[in-house]
C-alpha atoms as a PDB file:
ATOM      1  CA  MET A   1     -14.181  20.210  13.631  1.00  0.00           C
ATOM      2  CA  GLU A   2     -11.361  21.455  15.254  1.00  0.00           C
ATOM      3  CA  ASN A   3      -9.049  20.136  17.616  1.00  0.00           C
ATOM      4  CA  PRO A   4     -10.111  16.532  16.457  1.00  0.00           C
ATOM      5  CA  LYS A   5      -9.838  13.124  18.342  1.00  0.00           C
ATOM      6  CA  ILE A   6      -8.306  10.849  16.582  1.00  0.00           C
ATOM      7  CA  GLY A   7      -8.535   7.020  16.096  1.00  0.00           C
ATOM      8  CA  ILE A   8      -6.594   4.657  14.872  1.00  0.00           C
ATOM      9  CA  ILE A   9      -7.649   0.793  14.078  1.00  0.00           C
ATOM     10  CA  GLY A  10      -4.342  -1.038  13.014  1.00  0.00           C
ATOM     11  CA  LEU A  11      -1.382  -0.839  14.541  1.00  0.00           C
ATOM     12  CA  GLY A  12       0.869  -2.348  12.476  1.00  0.00           C
ATOM     13  CA  TRP A  13       4.057  -1.260  10.415  1.00  0.00           C
ATOM     14  CA  ILE A  14       1.752   1.973   8.812  1.00  0.00           C
ATOM     15  CA  GLY A  15      -0.743   2.480  11.695  1.00  0.00           C
ATOM     16  CA  MET A  16       2.659   2.781  14.248  1.00  0.00           C
ATOM     17  CA  GLN A  17       3.620   5.411  11.710  1.00  0.00           C
ATOM     18  CA  PHE A  18       0.686   7.478  12.061  1.00  0.00           C
ATOM     19  CA  LYS A  19       0.785   7.412  15.741  1.00  0.00           C
ATOM     20  CA  ARG A  20       4.429   8.528  15.796  1.00  0.00           C
ATOM     21  CA  TYR A  21       3.380  11.304  13.798  1.00  0.00           C
ATOM     22  CA  PHE A  22       0.504  11.914  15.828  1.00  0.00           C
ATOM     23  CA  GLU A  23       2.159  12.056  19.153  1.00  0.00           C
ATOM     24  CA  GLU A  24       5.419  13.952  18.183  1.00  0.00           C
ATOM     25  CA  VAL A  25       4.248  16.120  15.592  1.00  0.00           C
ATOM     26  CA  GLN A  26       0.419  16.877  16.145  1.00  0.00           C
ATOM     27  CA  LYS A  27       1.315  16.575  19.741  1.00  0.00           C
ATOM     28  CA  HIS A  28      -1.541  14.363  20.559  1.00  0.00           C
ATOM     29  CA  THR A  29      -1.697  12.251  24.145  1.00  0.00           C
ATOM     30  CA  ARG A  30      -3.276   8.994  24.137  1.00  0.00           C
ATOM     31  CA  GLY A  31      -5.739   8.780  26.342  1.00  0.00           C
ATOM     32  CA  ALA A  32      -7.286  12.100  25.568  1.00  0.00           C
ATOM     33  CA  ASP A  33      -7.288  13.233  22.075  1.00  0.00           C
ATOM     34  CA  LEU A  34      -5.701   9.799  20.744  1.00  0.00           C
ATOM     35  CA  PHE A  35      -6.927   6.434  20.458  1.00  0.00           C
ATOM     36  CA  LEU A  36      -5.620   3.362  19.672  1.00  0.00           C
ATOM     37  CA  TYR A  37      -7.219   0.045  19.131  1.00  0.00           C
ATOM     38  CA  ASP A  38      -5.394  -3.686  17.766  1.00  0.00           C
ATOM     39  CA  THR A  39      -6.927  -7.257  18.436  1.00  0.00           C
ATOM     40  CA  ASP A  40      -3.293  -8.283  18.793  1.00  0.00           C
ATOM     41  CA  ILE A  41      -2.791  -8.655  22.423  1.00  0.00           C
ATOM     42  CA  LYS A  42       0.608  -8.373  23.027  1.00  0.00           C
ATOM     43  CA  LYS A  43       0.509  -4.912  21.356  1.00  0.00           C
ATOM     44  CA  ASP A  44      -1.755  -3.992  24.482  1.00  0.00           C
ATOM     45  CA  PHE A  45      -4.130  -1.023  22.095  1.00  0.00           C
ATOM     46  CA  PHE A  46      -7.598  -1.671  23.547  1.00  0.00           C
ATOM     47  CA  ASP A  47      -8.204   2.231  23.809  1.00  0.00           C
ATOM     48  CA  ASP A  48     -12.076   2.641  23.268  1.00  0.00           C
ATOM     49  CA  ILE A  49     -11.966   3.745  20.266  1.00  0.00           C
ATOM     50  CA  GLY A  50     -15.557   5.108  20.270  1.00  0.00           C
ATOM     51  CA  LYS A  51     -14.679   8.016  21.799  1.00  0.00           C
ATOM     52  CA  ALA A  52     -12.262   9.600  18.818  1.00  0.00           C
ATOM     53  CA  ASP A  53     -14.311  11.811  15.630  1.00  0.00           C
ATOM     54  CA  VAL A  54     -11.872  10.612  13.077  1.00  0.00           C
ATOM     55  CA  VAL A  55     -11.183   7.144  12.912  1.00  0.00           C
ATOM     56  CA  PHE A  56      -7.624   5.756  10.526  1.00  0.00           C
ATOM     57  CA  LEU A  57      -7.797   2.253   9.374  1.00  0.00           C
ATOM     58  CA  CYS A  58      -4.509   0.933   9.236  1.00  0.00           C
ATOM     59  CA  LEU A  59      -5.781  -3.087   8.654  1.00  0.00           C
ATOM     60  CA  PRO A  60      -4.436  -5.815   6.311  1.00  0.00           C
ATOM     61  CA  THR A  61      -6.286  -6.337   3.199  1.00  0.00           C
ATOM     62  CA  PRO A  62      -5.139 -10.118   2.632  1.00  0.00           C
ATOM     63  CA  ARG A  63      -5.260 -12.222  -1.185  1.00  0.00           C
ATOM     64  CA  ASN A  64      -8.530 -13.757  -0.601  1.00  0.00           C
ATOM     65  CA  SER A  65      -7.287 -17.611  -1.329  1.00  0.00           C
ATOM     66  CA  LYS A  66     -10.349 -18.702  -3.826  1.00  0.00           C
ATOM     67  CA  ASP A  67      -9.810 -16.064  -6.008  1.00  0.00           C
ATOM     68  CA  GLY A  68      -6.815 -13.370  -5.552  1.00  0.00           C
ATOM     69  CA  SER A  69      -8.906 -10.705  -5.027  1.00  0.00           C
ATOM     70  CA  CYS A  70      -8.655  -7.774  -1.915  1.00  0.00           C
ATOM     71  CA  ASP A  71     -10.275  -9.276   1.313  1.00  0.00           C
ATOM     72  CA  THR A  72     -11.656  -6.632   2.635  1.00  0.00           C
ATOM     73  CA  SER A  73     -13.020  -8.267   5.528  1.00  0.00           C
ATOM     74  CA  ILE A  74     -11.058  -7.482   8.318  1.00  0.00           C
ATOM     75  CA  VAL A  75     -11.681  -3.256   7.544  1.00  0.00           C
ATOM     76  CA  GLU A  76     -15.231  -4.440   7.764  1.00  0.00           C
ATOM     77  CA  ASP A  77     -14.273  -5.804  10.861  1.00  0.00           C
ATOM     78  CA  GLY A  78     -12.703  -2.242  12.135  1.00  0.00           C
ATOM     79  CA  ILE A  79     -16.119  -0.327  10.749  1.00  0.00           C
ATOM     80  CA  ARG A  80     -18.592  -2.427  12.538  1.00  0.00           C
ATOM     81  CA  ARG A  81     -16.201  -1.680  16.032  1.00  0.00           C
ATOM     82  CA  LEU A  82     -17.836   1.593  15.749  1.00  0.00           C
ATOM     83  CA  GLU A  83     -20.915   0.840  15.572  1.00  0.00           C
ATOM     84  CA  GLY A  84     -23.510   2.986  18.503  1.00  0.00           C
ATOM     85  CA  SER A  85     -20.443   5.556  18.510  1.00  0.00           C
ATOM     86  CA  GLY A  86     -22.106   8.173  16.781  1.00  0.00           C
ATOM     87  CA  GLU A  87     -20.743  10.002  13.137  1.00  0.00           C
ATOM     88  CA  LYS A  88     -17.407   9.744  12.447  1.00  0.00           C
ATOM     89  CA  VAL A  89     -14.879  10.213   9.660  1.00  0.00           C
ATOM     90  CA  VAL A  90     -13.488   7.127   8.952  1.00  0.00           C
ATOM     91  CA  VAL A  91     -10.256   7.060   6.903  1.00  0.00           C
ATOM     92  CA  ILE A  92      -9.492   3.812   5.116  1.00  0.00           C
ATOM     93  CA  LYS A  93      -5.310   3.692   4.660  1.00  0.00           C
ATOM     94  CA  SER A  94      -5.409   0.086   3.740  1.00  0.00           C
ATOM     95  CA  THR A  95      -5.404  -0.972  -0.193  1.00  0.00           C
ATOM     96  CA  VAL A  96      -8.622  -1.536  -1.149  1.00  0.00           C
ATOM     97  CA  SER A  97     -10.446  -2.803  -4.790  1.00  0.00           C
ATOM     98  CA  PRO A  98     -12.138   0.411  -6.345  1.00  0.00           C
ATOM     99  CA  GLY A  99     -15.470   1.064  -5.270  1.00  0.00           C
ATOM    100  CA  THR A 100     -15.293  -0.224  -2.082  1.00  0.00           C
ATOM    101  CA  THR A 101     -15.134   3.013  -0.273  1.00  0.00           C
ATOM    102  CA  GLU A 102     -17.954   4.190  -2.064  1.00  0.00           C
ATOM    103  CA  GLY A 103     -19.613   0.557  -1.085  1.00  0.00           C
ATOM    104  CA  PHE A 104     -19.259   1.534   2.462  1.00  0.00           C
ATOM    105  CA  GLN A 105     -20.107   4.116   2.264  1.00  0.00           C
ATOM    106  CA  ASN A 106     -23.610   3.199   1.363  1.00  0.00           C
ATOM    107  CA  LYS A 107     -23.626   0.717   3.194  1.00  0.00           C
ATOM    108  CA  TYR A 108     -22.686   2.482   6.651  1.00  0.00           C
ATOM    109  CA  PRO A 109     -24.785   5.921   5.718  1.00  0.00           C
ATOM    110  CA  GLN A 110     -23.701   6.996   9.714  1.00  0.00           C
ATOM    111  CA  HIS A 111     -20.324   7.745   8.869  1.00  0.00           C
ATOM    112  CA  LYS A 112     -18.529   9.862   6.513  1.00  0.00           C
ATOM    113  CA  PHE A 113     -15.982   7.573   4.640  1.00  0.00           C
ATOM    114  CA  LEU A 114     -12.433   8.687   2.773  1.00  0.00           C
ATOM    115  CA  PHE A 115      -9.751   6.546   1.210  1.00  0.00           C
ATOM    116  CA  SER A 116      -6.134   8.118   1.962  1.00  0.00           C
ATOM    117  CA  PRO A 117      -3.447   5.563  -0.294  1.00  0.00           C
ATOM    118  CA  GLU A 118      -0.050   5.108   1.638  1.00  0.00           C
ATOM    119  CA  PHE A 119       2.809   5.285  -0.443  1.00  0.00           C
ATOM    120  CA  LEU A 120       5.439   4.395   2.908  1.00  0.00           C
ATOM    121  CA  THR A 121       8.320   2.111   1.632  1.00  0.00           C
ATOM    122  CA  GLU A 122       9.044  -0.186   4.810  1.00  0.00           C
ATOM    123  CA  SER A 123      12.684   0.722   4.871  1.00  0.00           C
ATOM    124  CA  ARG A 124      11.907   4.486   4.772  1.00  0.00           C
ATOM    125  CA  ALA A 125       8.340   4.783   6.141  1.00  0.00           C
ATOM    126  CA  TRP A 126       8.982   7.749   8.674  1.00  0.00           C
ATOM    127  CA  GLU A 127      10.858   9.659   6.713  1.00  0.00           C
ATOM    128  CA  ASP A 128       8.256   9.206   3.888  1.00  0.00           C
ATOM    129  CA  MET A 129       5.557   9.895   6.605  1.00  0.00           C
ATOM    130  CA  LEU A 130       7.277  12.939   6.874  1.00  0.00           C
ATOM    131  CA  ARG A 131       7.985  14.111   3.671  1.00  0.00           C
ATOM    132  CA  PRO A 132       5.679  12.598   0.938  1.00  0.00           C
ATOM    133  CA  ASP A 133       5.363  13.064  -2.501  1.00  0.00           C
ATOM    134  CA  ARG A 134       1.931  13.199  -2.358  1.00  0.00           C
ATOM    135  CA  GLN A 135      -1.303  13.416   0.003  1.00  0.00           C
ATOM    136  CA  ILE A 136      -4.303  12.118  -1.424  1.00  0.00           C
ATOM    137  CA  VAL A 137      -7.489  12.013   0.295  1.00  0.00           C
ATOM    138  CA  GLY A 138     -10.068  10.521  -1.876  1.00  0.00           C
ATOM    139  CA  PHE A 139     -13.461  11.273  -1.181  1.00  0.00           C
ATOM    140  CA  THR A 140     -17.809  10.244  -1.445  1.00  0.00           C
ATOM    141  CA  LYS A 141     -20.344  12.527  -2.398  1.00  0.00           C
ATOM    142  CA  LYS A 142     -20.978  12.445   1.617  1.00  0.00           C
ATOM    143  CA  SER A 143     -17.526  13.238   2.600  1.00  0.00           C
ATOM    144  CA  LEU A 144     -15.923  16.201   0.468  1.00  0.00           C
ATOM    145  CA  ASP A 145     -16.045  19.031   3.281  1.00  0.00           C
ATOM    146  CA  ALA A 146     -14.203  16.142   5.877  1.00  0.00           C
ATOM    147  CA  ALA A 147     -11.321  15.506   2.914  1.00  0.00           C
ATOM    148  CA  HIS A 148     -10.300  18.969   3.048  1.00  0.00           C
ATOM    149  CA  PHE A 149     -10.193  18.721   6.866  1.00  0.00           C
ATOM    150  CA  ILE A 150      -8.502  15.652   6.965  1.00  0.00           C
ATOM    151  CA  LEU A 151      -5.774  16.508   4.325  1.00  0.00           C
ATOM    152  CA  SER A 152      -4.868  19.703   6.445  1.00  0.00           C
ATOM    153  CA  LEU A 153      -4.319  17.156   9.074  1.00  0.00           C
ATOM    154  CA  LEU A 154      -1.135  15.272   7.347  1.00  0.00           C
ATOM    155  CA  PRO A 155       1.916  15.789   6.007  1.00  0.00           C
ATOM    156  CA  LYS A 156       1.860  18.604   3.384  1.00  0.00           C
ATOM    157  CA  ALA A 157       3.288  17.126  -0.104  1.00  0.00           C
ATOM    158  CA  PRO A 158       4.007  18.474  -3.619  1.00  0.00           C
ATOM    159  CA  PHE A 159       0.876  17.095  -4.627  1.00  0.00           C
ATOM    160  CA  MET A 160      -2.321  17.268  -3.199  1.00  0.00           C
ATOM    161  CA  SER A 161      -6.328  16.268  -3.653  1.00  0.00           C
ATOM    162  CA  PRO A 162      -8.224  17.781  -2.724  1.00  0.00           C
ATOM    163  CA  TRP A 163      -6.873  20.857  -2.415  1.00  0.00           C
ATOM    164  CA  GLY A 164      -2.888  21.920  -3.440  1.00  0.00           C
ATOM    165  CA  ILE A 165      -0.084  24.403  -2.127  1.00  0.00           C
ATOM    166  CA  ASN A 166       0.772  27.558  -3.654  1.00  0.00           C
ATOM    167  CA  THR A 167      -1.971  26.769  -5.736  1.00  0.00           C
ATOM    168  CA  TYR A 168      -5.951  27.694  -6.122  1.00  0.00           C
ATOM    169  CA  LYS A 169      -6.362  24.929  -8.579  1.00  0.00           C
ATOM    170  CA  GLN A 170      -8.593  22.092  -6.839  1.00  0.00           C
ATOM    171  CA  THR A 171      -8.384  18.514  -8.299  1.00  0.00           C
ATOM    172  CA  ARG A 172     -10.783  16.764  -6.228  1.00  0.00           C
ATOM    173  CA  ILE A 173      -9.932  13.059  -7.213  1.00  0.00           C
ATOM    174  CA  THR A 174     -12.708  11.080  -5.656  1.00  0.00           C
ATOM    175  CA  ALA A 175     -12.585   7.607  -3.217  1.00  0.00           C
ATOM    176  CA  THR A 176     -12.510   5.367  -6.231  1.00  0.00           C
ATOM    177  CA  GLU A 177     -10.027   7.392  -8.305  1.00  0.00           C
ATOM    178  CA  ALA A 178      -7.571   7.260  -5.219  1.00  0.00           C
ATOM    179  CA  GLU A 179      -8.126   3.450  -4.746  1.00  0.00           C
ATOM    180  CA  PHE A 180      -7.420   3.179  -8.459  1.00  0.00           C
ATOM    181  CA  ILE A 181      -4.487   5.057  -8.395  1.00  0.00           C
ATOM    182  CA  LYS A 182      -2.734   2.891  -5.551  1.00  0.00           C
ATOM    183  CA  TYR A 183      -3.074   0.136  -7.438  1.00  0.00           C
ATOM    184  CA  ALA A 184      -1.640   1.462 -10.686  1.00  0.00           C
ATOM    185  CA  ALA A 185       1.855   2.696  -8.522  1.00  0.00           C
ATOM    186  CA  ASN A 186       1.789  -1.087  -7.458  1.00  0.00           C
ATOM    187  CA  VAL A 187       1.349  -2.570 -10.925  1.00  0.00           C
ATOM    188  CA  TYR A 188       3.159  -0.126 -13.272  1.00  0.00           C
ATOM    189  CA  PHE A 189       6.537  -0.864 -10.522  1.00  0.00           C
ATOM    190  CA  VAL A 190       5.742  -5.231 -10.844  1.00  0.00           C
ATOM    191  CA  ARG A 191       6.155  -4.374 -14.408  1.00  0.00           C
ATOM    192  CA  LYS A 192       8.751  -2.395 -14.699  1.00  0.00           C
ATOM    193  CA  VAL A 193      11.464  -4.841 -12.478  1.00  0.00           C
ATOM    194  CA  ASN A 194       9.846  -7.402 -14.679  1.00  0.00           C
ATOM    195  CA  TRP A 195      10.499  -4.699 -17.568  1.00  0.00           C
ATOM    196  CA  ALA A 196      14.513  -4.503 -15.752  1.00  0.00           C
ATOM    197  CA  ASN A 197      14.705  -8.377 -15.762  1.00  0.00           C
ATOM    198  CA  ALA A 198      14.100  -9.147 -19.403  1.00  0.00           C
ATOM    199  CA  LEU A 199      16.761  -6.041 -20.318  1.00  0.00           C
ATOM    200  CA  ALA A 200      19.444  -7.778 -17.934  1.00  0.00           C
ATOM    201  CA  ALA A 201      19.183 -11.161 -19.260  1.00  0.00           C
ATOM    202  CA  ALA A 202      19.374 -10.062 -23.075  1.00  0.00           C
ATOM    203  CA  ALA A 203      22.663  -8.038 -21.740  1.00  0.00           C
ATOM    204  CA  GLU A 204      23.559 -11.464 -20.091  1.00  0.00           C
ATOM    205  CA  LYS A 205      23.051 -13.162 -23.428  1.00  0.00           C
ATOM    206  CA  LEU A 206      25.429 -10.517 -25.656  1.00  0.00           C
ATOM    207  CA  GLY A 207      28.051 -10.104 -22.512  1.00  0.00           C
ATOM    208  CA  VAL A 208      27.159  -6.802 -22.614  1.00  0.00           C
ATOM    209  CA  SER A 209      26.689  -4.824 -18.647  1.00  0.00           C
ATOM    210  CA  TYR A 210      22.828  -4.570 -17.987  1.00  0.00           C
ATOM    211  CA  GLU A 211      24.306  -1.996 -15.333  1.00  0.00           C
ATOM    212  CA  HIS A 212      25.556   0.583 -18.293  1.00  0.00           C
ATOM    213  CA  ILE A 213      22.470   0.257 -19.999  1.00  0.00           C
ATOM    214  CA  ARG A 214      20.836   1.164 -16.561  1.00  0.00           C
ATOM    215  CA  GLN A 215      22.406   3.819 -15.617  1.00  0.00           C
ATOM    216  CA  GLY A 216      22.015   5.631 -19.246  1.00  0.00           C
ATOM    217  CA  MET A 217      18.056   4.491 -19.513  1.00  0.00           C
ATOM    218  CA  SER A 218      17.874   6.208 -15.943  1.00  0.00           C
ATOM    219  CA  ALA A 219      19.544   8.884 -16.853  1.00  0.00           C
ATOM    220  CA  ASP A 220      15.771  10.037 -18.516  1.00  0.00           C
ATOM    221  CA  HIS A 221      13.826  12.065 -15.984  1.00  0.00           C
ATOM    222  CA  ARG A 222      10.952  10.122 -17.159  1.00  0.00           C
ATOM    223  CA  ILE A 223      12.196   6.525 -16.318  1.00  0.00           C
ATOM    224  CA  GLY A 224      14.479   7.189 -13.005  1.00  0.00           C
ATOM    225  CA  ASP A 225      16.201   4.424 -11.487  1.00  0.00           C
ATOM    226  CA  SER A 226      13.980   3.190  -9.243  1.00  0.00           C
ATOM    227  CA  HIS A 227      12.793  -0.568  -9.655  1.00  0.00           C
ATOM    228  CA  LEU A 228      15.206  -1.096 -11.797  1.00  0.00           C
ATOM    229  CA  ASP A 229      18.048  -3.082  -9.507  1.00  0.00           C
ATOM    230  CA  VAL A 230      17.558  -6.718 -10.794  1.00  0.00           C
ATOM    231  CA  THR A 231      19.519  -8.060  -7.907  1.00  0.00           C
ATOM    232  CA  HIS A 232      17.888  -6.189  -5.249  1.00  0.00           C
ATOM    233  CA  GLY A 233      16.905  -8.060  -1.932  1.00  0.00           C
ATOM    234  CA  GLY A 234      18.801 -11.210  -3.396  1.00  0.00           C
ATOM    235  CA  TYR A 235      17.111 -12.245  -5.820  1.00  0.00           C
ATOM    236  CA  ARG A 236      15.895 -11.854  -9.399  1.00  0.00           C
ATOM    237  CA  GLY A 237      12.071 -11.096  -9.706  1.00  0.00           C
ATOM    238  CA  TRP A 238       9.360  -9.006  -7.428  1.00  0.00           C
ATOM    239  CA  GLY A 239       7.948 -10.461  -4.374  1.00  0.00           C
ATOM    240  CA  GLY A 240       7.500  -8.641  -0.730  1.00  0.00           C
ATOM    241  CA  TYR A 241       4.098  -7.865   1.094  1.00  0.00           C
ATOM    242  CA  CYS A 242       2.198  -5.855  -1.571  1.00  0.00           C
ATOM    243  CA  PHE A 243       3.043  -6.456  -4.631  1.00  0.00           C
ATOM    244  CA  PRO A 244       2.365 -10.418  -4.931  1.00  0.00           C
ATOM    245  CA  LYS A 245      -1.066  -9.646  -3.548  1.00  0.00           C
ATOM    246  CA  ASP A 246      -2.286  -6.333  -4.984  1.00  0.00           C
ATOM    247  CA  LEU A 247      -1.468  -7.683  -8.425  1.00  0.00           C
ATOM    248  CA  ASP A 248      -3.470 -10.828  -7.761  1.00  0.00           C
ATOM    249  CA  ALA A 249      -6.087  -8.545  -6.431  1.00  0.00           C
ATOM    250  CA  PHE A 250      -6.511  -6.050  -9.474  1.00  0.00           C
ATOM    251  CA  ILE A 251      -6.503  -9.118 -11.864  1.00  0.00           C
ATOM    252  CA  SER A 252      -9.307 -10.243  -9.599  1.00  0.00           C
ATOM    253  CA  PHE A 253     -10.842  -6.627  -9.814  1.00  0.00           C
ATOM    254  CA  ALA A 254     -10.218  -6.631 -14.138  1.00  0.00           C
ATOM    255  CA  ARG A 255     -11.394 -10.560 -14.970  1.00  0.00           C
ATOM    256  CA  SER A 256     -14.519  -9.553 -12.693  1.00  0.00           C
ATOM    257  CA  ASN A 257     -15.241  -6.651 -14.323  1.00  0.00           C
ATOM    258  CA  LYS A 258     -14.390  -8.188 -17.713  1.00  0.00           C
ATOM    259  CA  LEU A 259     -11.580  -6.594 -18.815  1.00  0.00           C
ATOM    260  CA  ASP A 260      -9.884  -9.340 -20.743  1.00  0.00           C
ATOM    261  CA  MET A 261      -6.767  -7.403 -22.187  1.00  0.00           C
ATOM    262  CA  THR A 262      -6.172  -6.429 -18.777  1.00  0.00           C
ATOM    263  CA  THR A 263      -6.107  -9.909 -17.247  1.00  0.00           C
ATOM    264  CA  ALA A 264      -4.545 -10.805 -20.036  1.00  0.00           C
ATOM    265  CA  LEU A 265      -1.268  -8.317 -19.641  1.00  0.00           C
ATOM    266  CA  LEU A 266      -1.053  -8.572 -16.147  1.00  0.00           C
ATOM    267  CA  SER A 267      -1.899 -12.145 -16.096  1.00  0.00           C
ATOM    268  CA  ALA A 268       1.684 -12.394 -18.112  1.00  0.00           C
ATOM    269  CA  ASP A 269       3.457 -10.302 -15.736  1.00  0.00           C
ATOM    270  CA  LYS A 270       3.340 -12.725 -12.761  1.00  0.00           C
ATOM    271  CA  SER A 271       3.731 -15.865 -15.281  1.00  0.00           C
ATOM    272  CA  PHE A 272       6.882 -14.081 -16.154  1.00  0.00           C
ATOM    273  CA  ASN A 273       7.929 -13.315 -12.504  1.00  0.00           C
ATOM    274  CA  GLU A 274       7.128 -16.928 -11.360  1.00  0.00           C
ATOM    275  CA  GLU A 275       9.138 -18.783 -13.945  1.00  0.00           C
ATOM    276  CA  LEU A 276      12.069 -15.766 -13.256  1.00  0.00           C
ATOM    277  CA  LEU A 277      11.629 -16.973  -9.642  1.00  0.00           C
ATOM    278  CA  ARG A 278      11.484 -21.328 -10.528  1.00  0.00           C
ATOM    279  CA  SER A 279      15.103 -20.368 -12.044  1.00  0.00           C
ATOM    280  CA  GLN A 280      16.383 -19.608  -8.807  1.00  0.00           C
ATOM    281  CA  GLU A 281      14.906 -22.991  -7.711  1.00  0.00           C
ATOM    282  CA  LEU A 282      12.142 -19.959  -5.490  1.00  0.00           C
ATOM    283  CA  THR A 283       8.410 -19.559  -5.093  1.00  0.00           C
ATOM    284  CA  LEU A 284       6.455 -16.441  -5.426  1.00  0.00           C
ATOM    285  CA  GLU A 285       4.762 -17.857  -1.727  1.00  0.00           C
ATOM    286  CA  GLN A 286       8.296 -17.769  -0.532  1.00  0.00           C
ATOM    287  CA  VAL A 287       9.199 -14.370  -1.653  1.00  0.00           C
ATOM    288  CA  SER A 288       5.784 -12.778  -0.723  1.00  0.00           C
ATOM    289  CA  ALA A 289       6.447 -11.095   2.576  1.00  0.00           C
ATOM    290  CA  HIS A 290       8.073  -7.741   5.197  1.00  0.00           C
ATOM    291  CA  ILE A 291      11.220  -7.137   4.006  1.00  0.00           C
ATOM    292  CA  ASN A 292      13.076  -8.588   7.326  1.00  0.00           C
ATOM    293  CA  ILE A 293      10.642 -11.899   7.260  1.00  0.00           C
ATOM    294  CA  LEU A 294      12.098 -11.942   3.390  1.00  0.00           C
ATOM    295  CA  GLU A 295      15.695 -11.395   4.349  1.00  0.00           C
ATOM    296  CA  ASP A 296      15.465 -14.257   7.029  1.00  0.00           C
ATOM    297  CA  ARG A 297      13.785 -16.565   4.899  1.00  0.00           C
ATOM    298  CA  LEU A 298      16.376 -16.124   1.762  1.00  0.00           C
ATOM    299  CA  LYS A 299      19.055 -16.376   4.445  1.00  0.00           C
ATOM    300  CA  GLY A 300      17.524 -19.046   5.493  1.00  0.00           C
ATOM    301  CA  LEU A 301      16.831 -21.185   2.351  1.00  0.00           C
ATOM    302  CA  ARG A 302      21.336 -20.089   1.427  1.00  0.00           C
ATOM    303  CA  GLU A 303      22.522 -21.631   4.083  1.00  0.00           C
ATOM    304  CA  GLN A 304      20.244 -25.158   3.431  1.00  0.00           C
ATOM    305  CA  ARG A 305      21.164 -25.153  -0.025  1.00  0.00           C
ATOM    306  CA  GLU A 306      24.739 -24.702   0.470  1.00  0.00           C
ATOM    307  CA  LYS A 307      24.471 -27.147   3.484  1.00  0.00           C
ATOM    308  CA  PHE A 308      23.905 -29.375   0.607  1.00  0.00           C
ATOM    309  CA  GLY A 309      26.320 -28.210  -1.931  1.00  0.00           C
ATOM    310  CA  LEU A 310      23.537 -26.749  -3.920  1.00  0.00           C
ATOM    311  CA  LYS A 311      24.251 -23.754  -5.892  1.00  0.00           C
END
């Protein structure tokens, strides 16, 4: 497939990075070889997505209110939007539970489905887009050939699959494995934040400096300094948009697959964080938001407490 026409469904903060990349780096032109679609009327993205050869799905996967599982209904709505427009290469960027891409491949065999996890941080999304530390395009049995091609369209990274830079080694990570990788990273960071806060509490109890402990620990290259700042964001614990919903989704996934020890382990992580937040008169719901919303929300709570003379 030479000079493919690109479609993007979902122009949130992830989809907008892909829009910018294909416009500025790949030199695509909207309406000619770039087609954008979003249901939000205010965004004014209502292109004929059926004209695209390759469609990136950058859609939200919220928490299911009943059991915390990953709700993929919005992603499936995006897939249905392609009905009657011929075979497409569909690249799912949304975070979905392991096995989801294979499920879509079986349900919609006219397309070739791929799962490419995104690792963009909200504060450095564009920089992360251009200089990723890994670029993974997971495939189904039907879409392996398409995985190689899609990988060639995206920014290069030190680690790449199904092939890498300056190496003949083929890693060939499947779609289901790639789905695991996305959850594995976020759940690991959740546990790292918890451990940092447990250490900080112990240091305070003994009257020693957690910052000194943090510096010495993070100097180990196997550990690093990420997610060890216990005052990041103006509160202790983890929140944001992704961590709460992804942990809940993986707990639900583990429970449904009767992985009892994993379920217990991760449920304890959630309980630890909820208790930590409670000690600051916060709830997980209050800190579960994108950065800009969360900053305004916490600022409002602080001002309200100051108004009534509360700490």
